[in-house]
Amino acid sequence: LTSTYHKGSLCAQHCLNNLLQGEYFSPVELSAIAQQLDEEERVRMAEGGVQTEEYRTFLQQPSGNMDDSGFFSIQVRHGEAV
């Protein structure tokens, strides 16, 4: 097995690929999953009203599912592992 920790860089990708013993997931694929989760979260938050302060605050926050450093949330990793 190769190392799954690269100073935060794409460790979810390496974790999944090591677990499955192959090159199954790329950063692009994990990013697409994260974006899909972001959209699902946005829709759920909108159900409480798009004029609420909570919704407007939510829209101003960066993604909790990925960032520019290669971090992917556990939801992204779990979604692909199942």
PDB file of N, CA and C in Angstrom:
ATOM      1  N   LEU A   1       0.832  -1.195   0.000  1.00  0.00           N
ATOM      2  CA  LEU A   1       0.000   0.000   0.000  1.00  0.00           C
ATOM      3  C   LEU A   1       0.869   1.249   0.000  1.00  0.00           C
ATOM      4  N   THR A   2       0.403   2.254  -0.699  1.00  0.00           N
ATOM      5  CA  THR A   2       1.131   3.516  -0.693  1.00  0.00           C
ATOM      6  C   THR A   2       0.624   4.380   0.445  1.00  0.00           C
ATOM      7  N   SER A   3       1.348   5.416   0.753  1.00  0.00           N
ATOM      8  CA  SER A   3       0.969   6.324   1.829  1.00  0.00           C
ATOM      9  C   SER A   3      -0.354   7.010   1.501  1.00  0.00           C
ATOM     10  N   THR A   4      -1.222   7.154   2.512  1.00  0.00           N
ATOM     11  CA  THR A   4      -2.517   7.807   2.307  1.00  0.00           C
ATOM     12  C   THR A   4      -2.504   9.246   2.787  1.00  0.00           C
ATOM     13  N   TYR A   5      -1.374   9.712   3.301  1.00  0.00           N
ATOM     14  CA  TYR A   5      -1.309  11.075   3.800  1.00  0.00           C
ATOM     15  C   TYR A   5      -0.211  11.826   3.067  1.00  0.00           C
ATOM     16  N   HIS A   6      -0.606  12.880   2.399  1.00  0.00           N
ATOM     17  CA  HIS A   6       0.346  13.701   1.663  1.00  0.00           C
ATOM     18  C   HIS A   6       0.161  15.158   2.056  1.00  0.00           C
ATOM     19  N   LYS A   7       0.326  15.445   3.354  1.00  0.00           N
ATOM     20  CA  LYS A   7       0.161  16.795   3.890  1.00  0.00           C
ATOM     21  C   LYS A   7      -1.172  17.388   3.472  1.00  0.00           C
ATOM     22  N   GLY A   8      -2.252  16.601   3.525  1.00  0.00           N
ATOM     23  CA  GLY A   8      -3.585  17.071   3.224  1.00  0.00           C
ATOM     24  C   GLY A   8      -3.944  17.018   1.755  1.00  0.00           C
ATOM     25  N   SER A   9      -3.004  16.772   0.910  1.00  0.00           N
ATOM     26  CA  SER A   9      -3.239  16.828  -0.520  1.00  0.00           C
ATOM     27  C   SER A   9      -3.826  15.525  -1.055  1.00  0.00           C
ATOM     28  N   LEU A  10      -5.058  15.564  -1.406  1.00  0.00           N
ATOM     29  CA  LEU A  10      -5.758  14.460  -2.063  1.00  0.00           C
ATOM     30  C   LEU A  10      -5.734  13.151  -1.274  1.00  0.00           C
ATOM     31  N   CYS A  11      -5.631  13.224   0.043  1.00  0.00           N
ATOM     32  CA  CYS A  11      -5.531  11.990   0.791  1.00  0.00           C
ATOM     33  C   CYS A  11      -6.798  11.150   0.650  1.00  0.00           C
ATOM     34  N   ALA A  12      -7.949  11.762   0.434  1.00  0.00           N
ATOM     35  CA  ALA A  12      -9.179  10.983   0.232  1.00  0.00           C
ATOM     36  C   ALA A  12      -9.071  10.140  -1.032  1.00  0.00           C
ATOM     37  N   GLN A  13      -8.536  10.718  -2.074  1.00  0.00           N
ATOM     38  CA  GLN A  13      -8.353   9.983  -3.324  1.00  0.00           C
ATOM     39  C   GLN A  13      -7.452   8.769  -3.093  1.00  0.00           C
ATOM     40  N   HIS A  14      -6.345   8.979  -2.430  1.00  0.00           N
ATOM     41  CA  HIS A  14      -5.414   7.882  -2.188  1.00  0.00           C
ATOM     42  C   HIS A  14      -6.011   6.840  -1.249  1.00  0.00           C
ATOM     43  N   CYS A  15      -6.743   7.297  -0.263  1.00  0.00           N
ATOM     44  CA  CYS A  15      -7.405   6.363   0.662  1.00  0.00           C
ATOM     45  C   CYS A  15      -8.351   5.437  -0.097  1.00  0.00           C
ATOM     46  N   LEU A  16      -9.209   6.024  -0.908  1.00  0.00           N
ATOM     47  CA  LEU A  16     -10.182   5.218  -1.656  1.00  0.00           C
ATOM     48  C   LEU A  16      -9.490   4.277  -2.633  1.00  0.00           C
ATOM     49  N   ASN A  17      -8.526   4.803  -3.360  1.00  0.00           N
ATOM     50  CA  ASN A  17      -7.827   3.959  -4.331  1.00  0.00           C
ATOM     51  C   ASN A  17      -7.054   2.831  -3.652  1.00  0.00           C
ATOM     52  N   ASN A  18      -6.453   3.111  -2.506  1.00  0.00           N
ATOM     53  CA  ASN A  18      -5.755   2.057  -1.765  1.00  0.00           C
ATOM     54  C   ASN A  18      -6.738   1.017  -1.241  1.00  0.00           C
ATOM     55  N   LEU A  19      -7.856   1.482  -0.724  1.00  0.00           N
ATOM     56  CA  LEU A  19      -8.872   0.575  -0.209  1.00  0.00           C
ATOM     57  C   LEU A  19      -9.361  -0.373  -1.295  1.00  0.00           C
ATOM     58  N   LEU A  20      -9.556   0.158  -2.485  1.00  0.00           N
ATOM     59  CA  LEU A  20     -10.082  -0.635  -3.599  1.00  0.00           C
ATOM     60  C   LEU A  20      -8.985  -1.292  -4.434  1.00  0.00           C
ATOM     61  N   GLN A  21      -7.724  -1.026  -4.078  1.00  0.00           N
ATOM     62  CA  GLN A  21      -6.575  -1.631  -4.748  1.00  0.00           C
ATOM     63  C   GLN A  21      -6.529  -1.334  -6.249  1.00  0.00           C
ATOM     64  N   GLY A  22      -6.760  -0.091  -6.593  1.00  0.00           N
ATOM     65  CA  GLY A  22      -6.670   0.313  -7.993  1.00  0.00           C
ATOM     66  C   GLY A  22      -6.858   1.811  -8.127  1.00  0.00           C
ATOM     67  N   GLU A  23      -6.630   2.314  -9.323  1.00  0.00           N
ATOM     68  CA  GLU A  23      -6.797   3.742  -9.612  1.00  0.00           C
ATOM     69  C   GLU A  23      -8.229   3.992 -10.079  1.00  0.00           C
ATOM     70  N   TYR A  24      -9.149   4.089  -9.134  1.00  0.00           N
ATOM     71  CA  TYR A  24     -10.559   4.243  -9.466  1.00  0.00           C
ATOM     72  C   TYR A  24     -11.045   5.686  -9.420  1.00  0.00           C
ATOM     73  N   PHE A  25     -10.450   6.505  -8.568  1.00  0.00           N
ATOM     74  CA  PHE A  25     -10.959   7.861  -8.363  1.00  0.00           C
ATOM     75  C   PHE A  25      -9.881   8.895  -8.614  1.00  0.00           C
ATOM     76  N   SER A  26     -10.260   9.926  -9.360  1.00  0.00           N
ATOM     77  CA  SER A  26      -9.362  11.049  -9.624  1.00  0.00           C
ATOM     78  C   SER A  26      -9.861  12.255  -8.822  1.00  0.00           C
ATOM     79  N   PRO A  27      -9.024  13.274  -8.678  1.00  0.00           N
ATOM     80  CA  PRO A  27      -9.476  14.492  -8.006  1.00  0.00           C
ATOM     81  C   PRO A  27     -10.686  15.115  -8.712  1.00  0.00           C
ATOM     82  N   VAL A  28     -10.742  14.989 -10.025  1.00  0.00           N
ATOM     83  CA  VAL A  28     -11.862  15.552 -10.785  1.00  0.00           C
ATOM     84  C   VAL A  28     -13.160  14.855 -10.402  1.00  0.00           C
ATOM     85  N   GLU A  29     -13.126  13.534 -10.289  1.00  0.00           N
ATOM     86  CA  GLU A  29     -14.329  12.789  -9.909  1.00  0.00           C
ATOM     87  C   GLU A  29     -14.762  13.124  -8.488  1.00  0.00           C
ATOM     88  N   LEU A  30     -13.818  13.207  -7.571  1.00  0.00           N
ATOM     89  CA  LEU A  30     -14.163  13.554  -6.196  1.00  0.00           C
ATOM     90  C   LEU A  30     -14.692  14.988  -6.113  1.00  0.00           C
ATOM     91  N   SER A  31     -14.147  15.888  -6.910  1.00  0.00           N
ATOM     92  CA  SER A  31     -14.643  17.268  -6.946  1.00  0.00           C
ATOM     93  C   SER A  31     -16.081  17.323  -7.451  1.00  0.00           C
ATOM     94  N   ALA A  32     -16.398  16.515  -8.450  1.00  0.00           N
ATOM     95  CA  ALA A  32     -17.768  16.475  -8.976  1.00  0.00           C
ATOM     96  C   ALA A  32     -18.734  15.977  -7.903  1.00  0.00           C
ATOM     97  N   ILE A  33     -18.325  14.991  -7.131  1.00  0.00           N
ATOM     98  CA  ILE A  33     -19.171  14.490  -6.041  1.00  0.00           C
ATOM     99  C   ILE A  33     -19.371  15.583  -4.995  1.00  0.00           C
ATOM    100  N   ALA A  34     -18.291  16.289  -4.666  1.00  0.00           N
ATOM    101  CA  ALA A  34     -18.380  17.375  -3.685  1.00  0.00           C
ATOM    102  C   ALA A  34     -19.318  18.474  -4.178  1.00  0.00           C
ATOM    103  N   GLN A  35     -19.239  18.812  -5.447  1.00  0.00           N
ATOM    104  CA  GLN A  35     -20.124  19.841  -6.000  1.00  0.00           C
ATOM    105  C   GLN A  35     -21.577  19.384  -5.975  1.00  0.00           C
ATOM    106  N   GLN A  36     -21.804  18.114  -6.239  1.00  0.00           N
ATOM    107  CA  GLN A  36     -23.161  17.574  -6.171  1.00  0.00           C
ATOM    108  C   GLN A  36     -23.693  17.662  -4.736  1.00  0.00           C
ATOM    109  N   LEU A  37     -22.862  17.325  -3.769  1.00  0.00           N
ATOM    110  CA  LEU A  37     -23.267  17.441  -2.367  1.00  0.00           C
ATOM    111  C   LEU A  37     -23.533  18.894  -1.996  1.00  0.00           C
ATOM    112  N   ASP A  38     -22.711  19.821  -2.483  1.00  0.00           N
ATOM    113  CA  ASP A  38     -22.943  21.245  -2.235  1.00  0.00           C
ATOM    114  C   ASP A  38     -24.312  21.663  -2.756  1.00  0.00           C
ATOM    115  N   GLU A  39     -24.654  21.218  -3.946  1.00  0.00           N
ATOM    116  CA  GLU A  39     -25.949  21.569  -4.536  1.00  0.00           C
ATOM    117  C   GLU A  39     -27.095  20.965  -3.727  1.00  0.00           C
ATOM    118  N   GLU A  40     -26.956  19.718  -3.302  1.00  0.00           N
ATOM    119  CA  GLU A  40     -27.995  19.083  -2.488  1.00  0.00           C
ATOM    120  C   GLU A  40     -28.179  19.820  -1.166  1.00  0.00           C
ATOM    121  N   GLU A  41     -27.076  20.259  -0.567  1.00  0.00           N
ATOM    122  CA  GLU A  41     -27.154  21.026   0.668  1.00  0.00           C
ATOM    123  C   GLU A  41     -27.835  22.367   0.434  1.00  0.00           C
ATOM    124  N   ARG A  42     -27.516  23.010  -0.695  1.00  0.00           N
ATOM    125  CA  ARG A  42     -28.135  24.302  -1.009  1.00  0.00           C
ATOM    126  C   ARG A  42     -29.649  24.155  -1.156  1.00  0.00           C
ATOM    127  N   VAL A  43     -30.080  23.100  -1.843  1.00  0.00           N
ATOM    128  CA  VAL A  43     -31.516  22.853  -2.027  1.00  0.00           C
ATOM    129  C   VAL A  43     -32.192  22.625  -0.673  1.00  0.00           C
ATOM    130  N   ARG A  44     -31.570  21.829   0.181  1.00  0.00           N
ATOM    131  CA  ARG A  44     -32.136  21.567   1.520  1.00  0.00           C
ATOM    132  C   ARG A  44     -32.235  22.849   2.339  1.00  0.00           C
ATOM    133  N   MET A  45     -31.192  23.657   2.282  1.00  0.00           N
ATOM    134  CA  MET A  45     -31.215  24.917   3.030  1.00  0.00           C
ATOM    135  C   MET A  45     -32.296  25.845   2.499  1.00  0.00           C
ATOM    136  N   ALA A  46     -32.524  25.837   1.191  1.00  0.00           N
ATOM    137  CA  ALA A  46     -33.536  26.697   0.572  1.00  0.00           C
ATOM    138  C   ALA A  46     -34.944  26.307   1.011  1.00  0.00           C
ATOM    139  N   GLU A  47     -35.121  25.068   1.413  1.00  0.00           N
ATOM    140  CA  GLU A  47     -36.445  24.625   1.869  1.00  0.00           C
ATOM    141  C   GLU A  47     -36.910  25.413   3.078  1.00  0.00           C
ATOM    142  N   GLY A  48     -35.973  25.941   3.857  1.00  0.00           N
ATOM    143  CA  GLY A  48     -36.319  26.756   5.021  1.00  0.00           C
ATOM    144  C   GLY A  48     -36.625  28.201   4.658  1.00  0.00           C
ATOM    145  N   GLY A  49     -36.472  28.553   3.391  1.00  0.00           N
ATOM    146  CA  GLY A  49     -36.746  29.904   2.918  1.00  0.00           C
ATOM    147  C   GLY A  49     -35.483  30.575   2.409  1.00  0.00           C
ATOM    148  N   VAL A  50     -35.544  31.034   1.175  1.00  0.00           N
ATOM    149  CA  VAL A  50     -34.361  31.640   0.558  1.00  0.00           C
ATOM    150  C   VAL A  50     -34.126  33.069   1.050  1.00  0.00           C
ATOM    151  N   GLN A  51     -35.064  33.625   1.770  1.00  0.00           N
ATOM    152  CA  GLN A  51     -34.898  34.980   2.291  1.00  0.00           C
ATOM    153  C   GLN A  51     -34.381  34.994   3.724  1.00  0.00           C
ATOM    154  N   THR A  52     -34.185  33.826   4.304  1.00  0.00           N
ATOM    155  CA  THR A  52     -33.736  33.781   5.696  1.00  0.00           C
ATOM    156  C   THR A  52     -32.264  34.164   5.808  1.00  0.00           C
ATOM    157  N   GLU A  53     -31.909  34.681   6.961  1.00  0.00           N
ATOM    158  CA  GLU A  53     -30.513  35.034   7.240  1.00  0.00           C
ATOM    159  C   GLU A  53     -29.634  33.784   7.206  1.00  0.00           C
ATOM    160  N   GLU A  54     -30.158  32.684   7.710  1.00  0.00           N
ATOM    161  CA  GLU A  54     -29.412  31.430   7.731  1.00  0.00           C
ATOM    162  C   GLU A  54     -29.048  30.982   6.315  1.00  0.00           C
ATOM    163  N   TYR A  55     -29.987  31.092   5.388  1.00  0.00           N
ATOM    164  CA  TYR A  55     -29.736  30.693   4.006  1.00  0.00           C
ATOM    165  C   TYR A  55     -28.719  31.615   3.350  1.00  0.00           C
ATOM    166  N   ARG A  56     -28.868  32.917   3.555  1.00  0.00           N
ATOM    167  CA  ARG A  56     -27.929  33.871   2.960  1.00  0.00           C
ATOM    168  C   ARG A  56     -26.517  33.659   3.515  1.00  0.00           C
ATOM    169  N   THR A  57     -26.414  33.379   4.789  1.00  0.00           N
ATOM    170  CA  THR A  57     -25.109  33.098   5.394  1.00  0.00           C
ATOM    171  C   THR A  57     -24.524  31.827   4.808  1.00  0.00           C
ATOM    172  N   PHE A  58     -25.342  30.808   4.653  1.00  0.00           N
ATOM    173  CA  PHE A  58     -24.902  29.540   4.072  1.00  0.00           C
ATOM    174  C   PHE A  58     -24.317  29.752   2.678  1.00  0.00           C
ATOM    175  N   LEU A  59     -24.977  30.562   1.861  1.00  0.00           N
ATOM    176  CA  LEU A  59     -24.511  30.806   0.493  1.00  0.00           C
ATOM    177  C   LEU A  59     -23.167  31.516   0.448  1.00  0.00           C
ATOM    178  N   GLN A  60     -22.855  32.279   1.468  1.00  0.00           N
ATOM    179  CA  GLN A  60     -21.602  33.033   1.481  1.00  0.00           C
ATOM    180  C   GLN A  60     -20.415  32.196   1.955  1.00  0.00           C
ATOM    181  N   GLN A  61     -20.681  31.041   2.529  1.00  0.00           N
ATOM    182  CA  GLN A  61     -19.607  30.200   3.047  1.00  0.00           C
ATOM    183  C   GLN A  61     -19.016  29.338   1.936  1.00  0.00           C
ATOM    184  N   PRO A  62     -17.727  29.028   2.045  1.00  0.00           N
ATOM    185  CA  PRO A  62     -17.126  28.125   1.056  1.00  0.00           C
ATOM    186  C   PRO A  62     -17.653  26.705   1.236  1.00  0.00           C
ATOM    187  N   SER A  63     -17.392  25.879   0.295  1.00  0.00           N
ATOM    188  CA  SER A  63     -17.813  24.490   0.349  1.00  0.00           C
ATOM    189  C   SER A  63     -17.257  23.810   1.592  1.00  0.00           C
ATOM    190  N   GLY A  64     -18.084  23.017   2.240  1.00  0.00           N
ATOM    191  CA  GLY A  64     -17.619  22.196   3.348  1.00  0.00           C
ATOM    192  C   GLY A  64     -17.231  20.807   2.877  1.00  0.00           C
ATOM    193  N   ASN A  65     -17.386  20.562   1.577  1.00  0.00           N
ATOM    194  CA  ASN A  65     -17.126  19.239   1.020  1.00  0.00           C
ATOM    195  C   ASN A  65     -15.789  19.134   0.302  1.00  0.00           C
ATOM    196  N   MET A  66     -15.164  20.270   0.003  1.00  0.00           N
ATOM    197  CA  MET A  66     -13.848  20.261  -0.637  1.00  0.00           C
ATOM    198  C   MET A  66     -13.249  21.655  -0.523  1.00  0.00           C
ATOM    199  N   ASP A  67     -11.946  21.714  -0.699  1.00  0.00           N
ATOM    200  CA  ASP A  67     -11.287  23.011  -0.788  1.00  0.00           C
ATOM    201  C   ASP A  67     -10.133  22.919  -1.784  1.00  0.00           C
ATOM    202  N   ASP A  68      -9.470  24.022  -2.002  1.00  0.00           N
ATOM    203  CA  ASP A  68      -8.409  24.086  -3.009  1.00  0.00           C
ATOM    204  C   ASP A  68      -7.162  23.281  -2.661  1.00  0.00           C
ATOM    205  N   SER A  69      -7.047  22.853  -1.401  1.00  0.00           N
ATOM    206  CA  SER A  69      -5.859  22.099  -0.995  1.00  0.00           C
ATOM    207  C   SER A  69      -5.967  20.617  -1.322  1.00  0.00           C
ATOM    208  N   GLY A  70      -7.143  20.182  -1.779  1.00  0.00           N
ATOM    209  CA  GLY A  70      -7.342  18.761  -2.050  1.00  0.00           C
ATOM    210  C   GLY A  70      -8.110  18.052  -0.954  1.00  0.00           C
ATOM    211  N   PHE A  71      -8.577  18.808   0.043  1.00  0.00           N
ATOM    212  CA  PHE A  71      -9.379  18.230   1.113  1.00  0.00           C
ATOM    213  C   PHE A  71     -10.745  17.840   0.568  1.00  0.00           C
ATOM    214  N   PHE A  72     -11.187  16.635   0.908  1.00  0.00           N
ATOM    215  CA  PHE A  72     -12.541  16.194   0.599  1.00  0.00           C
ATOM    216  C   PHE A  72     -13.173  15.719   1.901  1.00  0.00           C
ATOM    217  N   SER A  73     -14.408  16.131   2.145  1.00  0.00           N
ATOM    218  CA  SER A  73     -15.085  15.784   3.386  1.00  0.00           C
ATOM    219  C   SER A  73     -15.359  14.286   3.477  1.00  0.00           C
ATOM    220  N   ILE A  74     -15.681  13.855   4.653  1.00  0.00           N
ATOM    221  CA  ILE A  74     -16.016  12.444   4.865  1.00  0.00           C
ATOM    222  C   ILE A  74     -17.256  12.063   4.052  1.00  0.00           C
ATOM    223  N   GLN A  75     -18.161  13.006   3.810  1.00  0.00           N
ATOM    224  CA  GLN A  75     -19.346  12.727   3.011  1.00  0.00           C
ATOM    225  C   GLN A  75     -18.959  12.351   1.585  1.00  0.00           C
ATOM    226  N   VAL A  76     -17.971  13.031   1.031  1.00  0.00           N
ATOM    227  CA  VAL A  76     -17.492  12.716  -0.314  1.00  0.00           C
ATOM    228  C   VAL A  76     -16.868  11.331  -0.317  1.00  0.00           C
ATOM    229  N   ARG A  77     -16.020  11.056   0.654  1.00  0.00           N
ATOM    230  CA  ARG A  77     -15.365   9.761   0.738  1.00  0.00           C
ATOM    231  C   ARG A  77     -16.372   8.649   0.979  1.00  0.00           C
ATOM    232  N   HIS A  78     -17.333   8.910   1.841  1.00  0.00           N
ATOM    233  CA  HIS A  78     -18.351   7.893   2.144  1.00  0.00           C
ATOM    234  C   HIS A  78     -19.224   7.644   0.924  1.00  0.00           C
ATOM    235  N   GLY A  79     -19.580   8.680   0.211  1.00  0.00           N
ATOM    236  CA  GLY A  79     -20.421   8.529  -0.974  1.00  0.00           C
ATOM    237  C   GLY A  79     -19.797   7.663  -2.049  1.00  0.00           C
ATOM    238  N   GLU A  80     -18.493   7.710  -2.157  1.00  0.00           N
ATOM    239  CA  GLU A  80     -17.809   6.907  -3.163  1.00  0.00           C
ATOM    240  C   GLU A  80     -17.504   5.503  -2.684  1.00  0.00           C
ATOM    241  N   ALA A  81     -17.320   5.332  -1.396  1.00  0.00           N
ATOM    242  CA  ALA A  81     -16.942   4.023  -0.877  1.00  0.00           C
ATOM    243  C   ALA A  81     -18.131   3.070  -0.802  1.00  0.00           C
ATOM    244  N   VAL A  82     -19.322   3.619  -0.784  1.00  0.00           N
ATOM    245  CA  VAL A  82     -20.507   2.769  -0.656  1.00  0.00           C
ATOM    246  C   VAL A  82     -21.001   2.271  -1.985  1.00  0.00           C
TER     247      VAL A  82
END
